[in-house]
Amino acid sequence: MSTLPLEGIRVCDFTAVWAGQTATMYLADMGAECIKVENPYIWNPMTRAASPRMNAALAQMLPPWIAGHPPEPGPRPWNNSPAFMHVLRNKKSFTVDSRRPEGLAVVKQLIRISDIVAENLALGTLDKLGLDDGTIQSIRPDAIILHMPAFGRTGEYIEGRGYGSHIDGVAGSTVLRGYRDTAPVDNANIFAGDYWGGMMGAFALMAALRHRRRTGRGQVIEMAQSESSAHMFPQAALDAAWNGRVHGSLGNRSVEGLVPNGVFPTNVADSWLAISCRNDEEWANLVAFMGRPAWALRPESATSSGRAVHEDEIEERIAEWTATRDRESTFHELQRAGVTAGPVLNAAEAAVDPHLAATGAWQRLPATEDYPEVDWLRPAYRFSVSDIDLREPPCLFGQHNDYVYREVLGLSEAEIDALAAAGHIATTYAPEALNG
């Protein structure tokens, strides 16, 4: 196996939910030893599962993207929620109650031998534990510390806590996405900000590692997730700032002025076909494929700017045409005719899509006592030299206690026995965490 880019880098990982855990996931993919610090006495909401007491009835009540457990989640649902387990790939998990002095001492030992300390907890959580930036730097002078607050560590929103949906709202995402005839509140249950924040967090850590390699100095990074999300809409932000034009949702239309550019119904209910004419030649190809209908032959329709004047009518006419056709055969035929087109797949369809499978997107992992044998998504990127891949399955709660306490920290058997007797070392949550 080739050397991984971040081999030898260790991350002390306090991250939660999706944004922070996505950031450290990327580093783990690239070979960093990412060690999650998990507390058996505290249930961290929406970090391993939606509920510590998930059952089949509750799973049926919640949307599948958040409650997609096996039919019977079992006694440890935090070990089989795909919505959260997927960001735990290539990582290691150990447990300790860092609120108690002996637990905090363990965490400090881990920080001393770690390159990165990462967190996206409620503002001030690490400070309350006695792990403020100054303390961390006194333990590890060249540490790279990443804070990923929702809205920053200063300013009017300093007390604000939020998931991706709240961050999307502040950043402007909910105003700019969705159907053209709906209000922002109608598309609030989307959490794109988590993944944008995760990508930007990983990028910031990579830049800091490069800086430390050149200078020998660590640094403290404050990366407000709302700011990392706002960069996804430069056309709207710049147009508003420079020209005073306020943008709203375009639906599936193109910000680049491509016409047509949309999603159209087919002959099966809730089955949709995406069509985008990226230039005038593709439009001509589409018109020819549709049989050169009279409504498409107006001279002004030969150019994108001319088509934009009649975009509503063009979309309606195309929708009438696609509504009589089969999605699968039509998108293949359109592609052969030189038109950009593709099926809109739901999650179940994507899971068996031959094109996605051909990219090597999935890897079958063996069953554990908490989840069945299933296919898991591999990293969506590959490097030409390094073996970036799904090397270790999603870590179970406390799965690597033995490795971390014995091999990483080098504690004696007597020390480990004492910590175990005090409840620090566990593979399940304590009753008070489950009942809280």
Protein backbone atom coordinates (compact mmCIF):
# COMPACT_ATOMS: atom_id res chain seq x y z
CA MET A 1 0.00 0.00 0.00
CA SER A 2 1.27 3.47 -0.84
CA THR A 3 1.99 6.03 1.83
CA LEU A 4 -1.06 8.13 2.61
CA PRO A 5 -0.74 11.95 2.50
CA LEU A 6 -1.48 12.47 6.19
CA GLU A 7 0.13 9.34 7.55
CA GLY A 8 1.68 10.15 10.93
CA ILE A 9 -0.78 12.97 11.70
CA ARG A 10 -3.03 12.40 14.72
CA VAL A 11 -6.34 14.16 15.36
CA CYS A 12 -7.91 14.51 18.79
CA ASP A 13 -11.50 14.67 17.61
CA PHE A 14 -14.24 16.32 19.70
CA THR A 15 -16.50 16.93 16.71
CA ALA A 16 -20.24 16.25 16.61
CA VAL A 17 -23.22 15.90 14.28
CA TRP A 18 -22.27 16.17 10.57
CA ALA A 19 -20.21 19.30 9.94
CA GLY A 20 -17.32 18.66 12.29
CA GLN A 21 -17.33 14.93 11.77
CA THR A 22 -17.22 15.45 8.01
CA ALA A 23 -14.14 17.67 8.33
CA THR A 24 -12.22 15.07 10.30
CA MET A 25 -13.53 12.29 8.03
CA TYR A 26 -11.66 13.81 5.09
CA LEU A 27 -8.45 13.86 7.11
CA ALA A 28 -8.99 10.26 8.19
CA ASP A 29 -9.55 9.29 4.55
CA MET A 30 -6.13 10.74 3.77
CA GLY A 31 -4.42 8.70 6.45
CA ALA A 32 -4.58 10.79 9.62
CA GLU A 33 -5.19 8.78 12.78
CA CYS A 34 -8.46 10.34 13.87
CA ILE A 35 -9.36 9.41 17.44
CA LYS A 36 -12.87 10.34 18.54
CA VAL A 37 -13.24 11.33 22.19
CA GLU A 38 -16.66 10.02 23.26
CA ASN A 39 -18.27 10.36 26.68
CA PRO A 40 -20.39 7.41 27.86
CA TYR A 41 -22.25 9.71 30.26
CA ILE A 42 -23.35 12.32 27.71
CA TRP A 43 -25.65 11.70 24.77
CA ASN A 44 -24.55 14.13 22.09
CA PRO A 45 -27.71 14.82 20.06
CA MET A 46 -27.68 13.92 16.37
CA THR A 47 -24.10 12.66 16.42
CA ARG A 48 -24.50 8.88 16.36
CA ALA A 49 -28.28 8.54 15.98
CA ALA A 50 -31.42 10.64 16.26
CA SER A 51 -32.31 8.97 19.54
CA PRO A 52 -30.51 6.67 22.00
CA ARG A 53 -33.72 4.68 22.29
CA MET A 54 -34.51 4.18 18.63
CA ASN A 55 -36.90 1.35 17.86
CA ALA A 56 -38.79 0.12 14.82
CA ALA A 57 -41.90 2.18 15.64
CA LEU A 58 -39.94 5.42 16.13
CA ALA A 59 -37.90 4.78 13.00
CA GLN A 60 -41.14 4.59 11.01
CA MET A 61 -42.20 8.01 12.32
CA LEU A 62 -38.97 9.77 11.32
CA PRO A 63 -37.75 10.47 7.78
CA PRO A 64 -35.62 7.60 6.43
CA TRP A 65 -32.58 9.79 5.86
CA ILE A 66 -32.30 10.24 9.62
CA ALA A 67 -33.85 7.02 10.90
CA GLY A 68 -32.63 4.55 8.30
CA HIS A 69 -31.69 1.89 10.83
CA PRO A 70 -32.08 -1.85 10.30
CA PRO A 71 -35.71 -3.04 10.81
CA GLU A 72 -34.85 -3.76 14.44
CA PRO A 73 -32.23 -1.21 15.58
CA GLY A 74 -31.32 -3.29 18.61
CA PRO A 75 -29.96 -2.17 21.98
CA ARG A 76 -27.23 0.05 20.51
CA PRO A 77 -28.84 2.14 17.76
CA TRP A 78 -25.88 4.53 17.89
CA ASN A 79 -23.90 1.83 16.08
CA ASN A 80 -26.23 1.36 13.10
CA SER A 81 -27.58 4.72 11.91
CA PRO A 82 -26.15 5.12 8.37
CA ALA A 83 -26.94 8.84 8.42
CA PHE A 84 -24.26 9.30 11.06
CA MET A 85 -22.10 6.21 10.76
CA HIS A 86 -20.92 7.19 7.28
CA VAL A 87 -18.87 10.09 8.68
CA LEU A 88 -17.15 7.72 11.13
CA ARG A 89 -15.29 5.72 8.48
CA ASN A 90 -11.53 5.32 8.89
CA LYS A 91 -11.76 6.67 12.46
CA LYS A 92 -11.16 5.26 15.91
CA SER A 93 -13.41 5.67 18.96
CA PHE A 94 -12.52 5.60 22.62
CA THR A 95 -14.54 6.62 25.64
CA VAL A 96 -13.71 8.78 28.64
CA ASP A 97 -15.61 11.13 30.91
CA SER A 98 -13.53 14.24 30.41
CA ARG A 99 -15.54 16.17 33.02
CA ARG A 100 -13.82 14.28 35.84
CA PRO A 101 -10.18 15.00 36.76
CA GLU A 102 -8.85 11.56 35.88
CA GLY A 103 -10.72 11.64 32.57
CA LEU A 104 -9.45 15.12 31.75
CA ALA A 105 -5.92 13.90 32.48
CA VAL A 106 -6.41 11.15 29.88
CA VAL A 107 -7.59 13.68 27.30
CA LYS A 108 -4.61 15.91 28.00
CA GLN A 109 -2.31 12.96 27.43
CA LEU A 110 -3.93 12.41 24.06
CA ILE A 111 -3.63 16.11 23.15
CA ARG A 112 0.07 16.02 24.03
CA ILE A 113 0.68 13.46 21.29
CA SER A 114 -1.82 14.85 18.77
CA ASP A 115 -1.22 17.31 15.96
CA ILE A 116 -4.79 18.59 15.67
CA VAL A 117 -7.59 19.29 18.13
CA ALA A 118 -10.91 19.74 16.33
CA GLU A 119 -14.35 20.67 17.68
CA ASN A 120 -17.70 22.09 16.60
CA LEU A 121 -19.47 21.89 19.95
CA ALA A 122 -21.57 24.58 21.56
CA LEU A 123 -19.47 27.68 22.04
CA GLY A 124 -17.27 27.43 25.13
CA THR A 125 -17.69 23.69 25.74
CA LEU A 126 -13.97 22.95 25.70
CA ASP A 127 -13.27 26.03 27.80
CA LYS A 128 -15.63 24.72 30.49
CA LEU A 129 -13.72 21.44 30.52
CA GLY A 130 -10.50 23.36 31.14
CA LEU A 131 -9.30 22.96 27.56
CA ASP A 132 -9.17 26.55 26.37
CA ASP A 133 -6.75 27.44 23.58
CA GLY A 134 -4.02 28.56 25.95
CA THR A 135 -4.16 25.33 27.92
CA ILE A 136 -4.08 23.20 24.77
CA GLN A 137 -1.10 25.17 23.49
CA SER A 138 0.70 24.76 26.81
CA ILE A 139 0.23 21.00 26.45
CA ARG A 140 1.18 20.90 22.76
CA PRO A 141 2.82 24.17 21.65
CA ASP A 142 2.56 23.46 17.93
CA ALA A 143 -1.03 22.19 18.07
CA ILE A 144 -3.47 23.13 15.32
CA ILE A 145 -6.82 23.93 16.93
CA LEU A 146 -9.96 24.05 14.81
CA HIS A 147 -13.15 25.68 16.13
CA MET A 148 -16.23 25.37 13.90
CA PRO A 149 -18.95 27.44 15.62
CA ALA A 150 -22.20 27.94 13.78
CA PHE A 151 -21.95 31.74 13.68
CA GLY A 152 -18.49 32.62 14.96
CA ARG A 153 -16.96 33.24 18.38
CA THR A 154 -17.73 36.97 18.44
CA GLY A 155 -20.55 39.20 17.25
CA GLU A 156 -24.30 39.40 17.66
CA TYR A 157 -24.92 35.70 17.03
CA ILE A 158 -22.31 34.50 19.51
CA GLU A 159 -24.87 32.58 21.59
CA GLY A 160 -26.49 31.00 18.55
CA ARG A 161 -26.44 27.25 18.20
CA GLY A 162 -27.54 25.51 15.09
CA TYR A 163 -27.66 22.55 12.77
CA GLY A 164 -27.13 22.79 9.04
CA SER A 165 -30.66 24.06 8.42
CA HIS A 166 -30.14 27.06 10.70
CA ILE A 167 -26.78 27.80 9.10
CA ASP A 168 -28.35 27.56 5.64
CA GLY A 169 -30.94 30.14 6.66
CA VAL A 170 -28.40 32.67 7.90
CA ALA A 171 -26.10 32.12 4.92
CA GLY A 172 -28.94 32.68 2.46
CA SER A 173 -29.25 29.18 1.07
CA THR A 174 -32.95 28.74 1.87
CA VAL A 175 -33.78 31.96 0.02
CA LEU A 176 -31.90 30.92 -3.12
CA ARG A 177 -32.91 27.29 -3.48
CA GLY A 178 -36.28 25.58 -3.81
CA TYR A 179 -39.07 26.00 -6.32
CA ARG A 180 -39.70 29.46 -7.73
CA ASP A 181 -43.22 29.62 -6.28
CA THR A 182 -42.42 28.53 -2.72
CA ALA A 183 -41.26 30.32 0.41
CA PRO A 184 -37.89 29.69 2.11
CA VAL A 185 -39.61 27.86 4.98
CA ASP A 186 -40.77 25.21 2.51
CA ASN A 187 -37.23 23.93 1.96
CA ALA A 188 -35.75 24.31 5.42
CA ASN A 189 -35.17 20.60 6.07
CA ILE A 190 -31.99 20.48 4.04
CA PHE A 191 -28.61 20.45 5.76
CA ALA A 192 -26.19 21.42 3.01
CA GLY A 193 -24.32 23.74 5.39
CA ASP A 194 -23.02 20.74 7.31
CA TYR A 195 -21.17 19.36 4.31
CA TRP A 196 -19.92 22.70 3.07
CA GLY A 197 -18.65 23.41 6.57
CA GLY A 198 -17.00 20.00 6.69
CA MET A 199 -15.18 20.52 3.42
CA MET A 200 -14.00 23.99 4.41
CA GLY A 201 -12.91 22.74 7.83
CA ALA A 202 -10.80 20.03 6.23
CA PHE A 203 -9.30 22.57 3.82
CA ALA A 204 -8.42 24.89 6.71
CA LEU A 205 -6.71 22.06 8.58
CA MET A 206 -4.73 21.05 5.49
CA ALA A 207 -3.58 24.65 5.04
CA ALA A 208 -2.57 24.82 8.71
CA LEU A 209 -0.60 21.58 8.43
CA ARG A 210 1.25 22.99 5.44
CA HIS A 211 1.94 26.21 7.37
CA ARG A 212 3.28 24.23 10.33
CA ARG A 213 5.51 22.14 8.09
CA ARG A 214 7.06 25.34 6.72
CA THR A 215 7.28 27.34 9.97
CA GLY A 216 7.05 24.87 12.84
CA ARG A 217 4.16 26.85 14.32
CA GLY A 218 0.63 25.73 15.06
CA GLN A 219 -2.38 28.01 15.00
CA VAL A 220 -5.93 28.52 16.17
CA ILE A 221 -8.56 28.44 13.43
CA GLU A 222 -12.01 29.94 13.85
CA MET A 223 -14.18 28.85 10.95
CA ALA A 224 -17.77 30.00 11.27
CA GLN A 225 -19.95 27.51 9.41
CA SER A 226 -22.33 30.24 8.24
CA GLU A 227 -19.43 31.97 6.48
CA SER A 228 -18.21 28.77 4.88
CA SER A 229 -21.73 28.24 3.49
CA ALA A 230 -22.09 31.76 2.11
CA HIS A 231 -19.28 31.20 -0.39
CA MET A 232 -21.51 28.79 -2.30
CA PHE A 233 -23.59 31.70 -3.67
CA PRO A 234 -21.06 34.21 -5.03
CA GLN A 235 -23.28 35.35 -7.91
CA ALA A 236 -26.09 36.34 -5.52
CA ALA A 237 -23.80 37.92 -2.92
CA LEU A 238 -21.78 39.94 -5.42
CA ASP A 239 -24.80 41.06 -7.42
CA ALA A 240 -26.49 42.27 -4.23
CA ALA A 241 -23.36 44.01 -2.93
CA TRP A 242 -22.32 45.67 -6.19
CA ASN A 243 -25.57 46.17 -8.05
CA GLY A 244 -28.23 46.18 -5.36
CA ARG A 245 -30.13 43.30 -6.97
CA VAL A 246 -31.68 40.85 -4.53
CA HIS A 247 -31.87 37.29 -5.77
CA GLY A 248 -34.52 34.68 -5.09
CA SER A 249 -34.92 31.05 -6.04
CA LEU A 250 -34.52 30.05 -9.67
CA GLY A 251 -35.84 26.57 -9.09
CA ASN A 252 -33.98 24.27 -11.46
CA ARG A 253 -33.12 27.07 -13.87
CA SER A 254 -29.53 27.99 -14.63
CA VAL A 255 -27.66 30.89 -13.01
CA GLU A 256 -25.55 30.93 -16.19
CA GLY A 257 -28.49 31.60 -18.48
CA LEU A 258 -28.73 28.16 -20.05
CA VAL A 259 -32.19 27.63 -21.57
CA PRO A 260 -33.74 25.15 -21.22
CA ASN A 261 -32.31 23.88 -17.93
CA GLY A 262 -34.75 21.97 -15.80
CA VAL A 263 -36.37 18.80 -14.55
CA PHE A 264 -39.35 17.46 -16.45
CA PRO A 265 -42.02 14.80 -15.75
CA THR A 266 -42.09 11.47 -17.58
CA ASN A 267 -44.79 8.87 -18.15
CA VAL A 268 -44.50 7.37 -14.65
CA ALA A 269 -45.67 9.26 -11.58
CA ASP A 270 -42.88 11.03 -9.70
CA SER A 271 -40.32 10.03 -12.33
CA TRP A 272 -38.31 12.95 -13.67
CA LEU A 273 -35.84 13.72 -16.43
CA ALA A 274 -33.22 16.48 -16.27
CA ILE A 275 -32.44 18.29 -19.53
CA SER A 276 -29.91 21.09 -19.99
CA CYS A 277 -28.93 22.69 -23.29
CA ARG A 278 -25.47 24.04 -22.56
CA ASN A 279 -25.21 25.83 -25.90
CA ASP A 280 -27.21 26.61 -29.04
CA GLU A 281 -25.99 23.46 -30.77
CA GLU A 282 -27.49 21.29 -28.02
CA TRP A 283 -30.76 23.19 -28.39
CA ALA A 284 -30.76 22.46 -32.11
CA ASN A 285 -30.11 18.79 -31.34
CA LEU A 286 -33.03 18.73 -28.88
CA VAL A 287 -35.37 20.39 -31.37
CA ALA A 288 -34.40 17.84 -34.02
CA PHE A 289 -34.91 14.95 -31.62
CA MET A 290 -38.38 16.22 -30.68
CA GLY A 291 -39.33 16.25 -34.38
CA ARG A 292 -38.85 19.99 -34.99
CA PRO A 293 -42.16 21.17 -33.45
CA ALA A 294 -43.36 24.56 -34.68
CA TRP A 295 -43.17 26.19 -31.25
CA ALA A 296 -39.40 25.52 -31.16
CA LEU A 297 -38.63 26.95 -34.59
CA ARG A 298 -39.05 30.66 -33.91
CA PRO A 299 -35.92 32.49 -35.11
CA GLU A 300 -35.29 34.08 -31.71
CA SER A 301 -35.16 30.63 -30.10
CA ALA A 302 -31.88 29.89 -31.86
CA THR A 303 -29.97 31.72 -29.09
CA SER A 304 -29.98 31.37 -25.31
CA SER A 305 -30.90 35.03 -24.85
CA GLY A 306 -33.83 34.65 -27.23
CA ARG A 307 -35.01 31.48 -25.54
CA ALA A 308 -34.83 33.17 -22.15
CA VAL A 309 -37.67 35.51 -23.19
CA HIS A 310 -39.95 32.50 -23.66
CA GLU A 311 -38.50 30.26 -20.96
CA ASP A 312 -41.86 29.58 -19.27
CA GLU A 313 -43.44 28.43 -22.52
CA ILE A 314 -40.40 26.37 -23.53
CA GLU A 315 -40.46 24.53 -20.21
CA GLU A 316 -44.19 23.86 -20.50
CA ARG A 317 -43.83 22.50 -24.02
CA ILE A 318 -40.90 20.26 -23.11
CA ALA A 319 -42.83 18.99 -20.08
CA GLU A 320 -45.79 18.08 -22.33
CA TRP A 321 -43.42 16.13 -24.58
CA THR A 322 -41.50 14.30 -21.80
CA ALA A 323 -44.73 13.41 -19.98
CA THR A 324 -45.49 10.86 -22.72
CA ARG A 325 -42.04 9.25 -22.68
CA ASP A 326 -40.09 6.67 -20.69
CA ARG A 327 -37.37 8.20 -18.54
CA GLU A 328 -34.67 5.56 -19.00
CA SER A 329 -34.84 5.21 -22.77
CA THR A 330 -35.27 8.96 -23.36
CA PHE A 331 -32.21 10.07 -21.44
CA HIS A 332 -30.04 7.55 -23.30
CA GLU A 333 -31.47 8.65 -26.64
CA LEU A 334 -30.99 12.33 -25.82
CA GLN A 335 -27.38 11.75 -24.84
CA ARG A 336 -26.76 9.93 -28.11
CA ALA A 337 -28.36 12.86 -29.93
CA GLY A 338 -25.94 15.30 -28.31
CA VAL A 339 -28.18 16.71 -25.57
CA THR A 340 -27.19 16.84 -21.91
CA ALA A 341 -29.79 14.76 -20.07
CA GLY A 342 -30.06 12.33 -17.19
CA PRO A 343 -32.56 10.68 -14.85
CA VAL A 344 -33.40 12.19 -11.47
CA LEU A 345 -32.80 9.29 -9.07
CA ASN A 346 -34.16 8.83 -5.59
CA ALA A 347 -31.95 7.20 -2.95
CA ALA A 348 -33.16 3.66 -3.67
CA GLU A 349 -32.55 4.10 -7.40
CA ALA A 350 -29.12 5.64 -6.85
CA ALA A 351 -28.12 2.65 -4.73
CA VAL A 352 -28.56 0.31 -7.71
CA ASP A 353 -27.57 2.73 -10.48
CA PRO A 354 -25.10 0.94 -12.77
CA HIS A 355 -23.22 4.13 -13.61
CA LEU A 356 -22.60 4.92 -9.93
CA ALA A 357 -21.62 1.31 -9.29
CA ALA A 358 -19.17 1.43 -12.20
CA THR A 359 -17.30 4.27 -10.49
CA GLY A 360 -16.55 1.96 -7.57
CA ALA A 361 -18.64 4.06 -5.21
CA TRP A 362 -19.65 1.16 -2.96
CA GLN A 363 -17.77 -1.26 -0.75
CA ARG A 364 -19.41 -4.22 0.95
CA LEU A 365 -18.49 -4.50 4.63
CA PRO A 366 -19.13 -7.49 6.84
CA ALA A 367 -21.87 -7.42 9.43
CA THR A 368 -21.28 -6.56 13.07
CA GLU A 369 -23.52 -7.39 15.99
CA ASP A 370 -25.11 -3.96 15.50
CA TYR A 371 -25.51 -3.58 11.72
CA PRO A 372 -26.01 -6.03 8.86
CA GLU A 373 -23.73 -6.70 5.91
CA VAL A 374 -24.31 -3.72 3.65
CA ASP A 375 -22.63 -1.57 1.03
CA TRP A 376 -21.02 1.62 2.31
CA LEU A 377 -20.00 4.65 0.26
CA ARG A 378 -16.30 4.94 -0.39
CA PRO A 379 -14.61 8.36 -0.56
CA ALA A 380 -15.88 10.24 -3.60
CA TYR A 381 -12.37 11.12 -4.73
CA ARG A 382 -9.21 9.21 -5.60
CA PHE A 383 -5.55 10.22 -5.68
CA SER A 384 -3.22 9.03 -8.44
CA VAL A 385 -0.56 7.76 -6.04
CA SER A 386 -2.03 7.42 -2.55
CA ASP A 387 -4.55 4.74 -1.69
CA ILE A 388 -7.39 6.98 -0.51
CA ASP A 389 -10.17 4.54 0.33
CA LEU A 390 -12.49 3.04 2.90
CA ARG A 391 -9.77 1.25 4.87
CA GLU A 392 -11.62 0.89 8.16
CA PRO A 393 -15.40 0.53 8.61
CA PRO A 394 -17.32 3.14 10.63
CA CYS A 395 -16.07 2.97 14.19
CA LEU A 396 -18.44 1.60 16.79
CA PHE A 397 -18.83 3.39 20.11
CA GLY A 398 -15.76 2.64 22.22
CA GLN A 399 -14.48 0.10 19.70
CA HIS A 400 -10.85 1.15 20.03
CA ASN A 401 -10.63 1.59 23.79
CA ASP A 402 -8.02 -1.13 24.11
CA TYR A 403 -5.89 0.29 21.31
CA VAL A 404 -6.04 3.90 22.55
CA TYR A 405 -5.48 3.20 26.24
CA ARG A 406 -2.78 0.58 25.77
CA GLU A 407 -0.94 1.39 22.56
CA VAL A 408 -1.49 5.12 22.00
CA LEU A 409 -1.45 6.33 25.61
CA GLY A 410 0.65 3.50 27.01
CA LEU A 411 -1.27 3.22 30.29
CA SER A 412 -0.48 0.39 32.69
CA GLU A 413 -2.92 -2.42 33.41
CA ALA A 414 -3.54 -0.96 36.86
CA GLU A 415 -4.38 2.45 35.40
CA ILE A 416 -6.68 0.93 32.81
CA ASP A 417 -8.44 -1.20 35.43
CA ALA A 418 -9.01 1.88 37.60
CA LEU A 419 -10.47 3.87 34.69
CA ALA A 420 -12.70 0.95 33.72
CA ALA A 421 -13.94 0.57 37.29
CA ALA A 422 -14.74 4.29 37.35
CA GLY A 423 -16.88 3.93 34.20
CA HIS A 424 -14.67 5.73 31.71
CA ILE A 425 -14.12 2.74 29.45
CA ALA A 426 -17.32 1.49 27.86
CA THR A 427 -18.97 0.28 24.67
CA THR A 428 -22.44 1.50 25.61
CA TYR A 429 -23.85 4.67 27.09
CA ALA A 430 -24.52 4.89 30.82
CA PRO A 431 -28.18 4.77 31.90
CA GLU A 432 -28.15 8.43 32.90
CA ALA A 433 -27.13 9.41 29.37
CA LEU A 434 -29.87 7.29 27.80
CA ASN A 435 -32.53 8.60 30.17
CA GLY A 436 -31.46 12.23 30.07
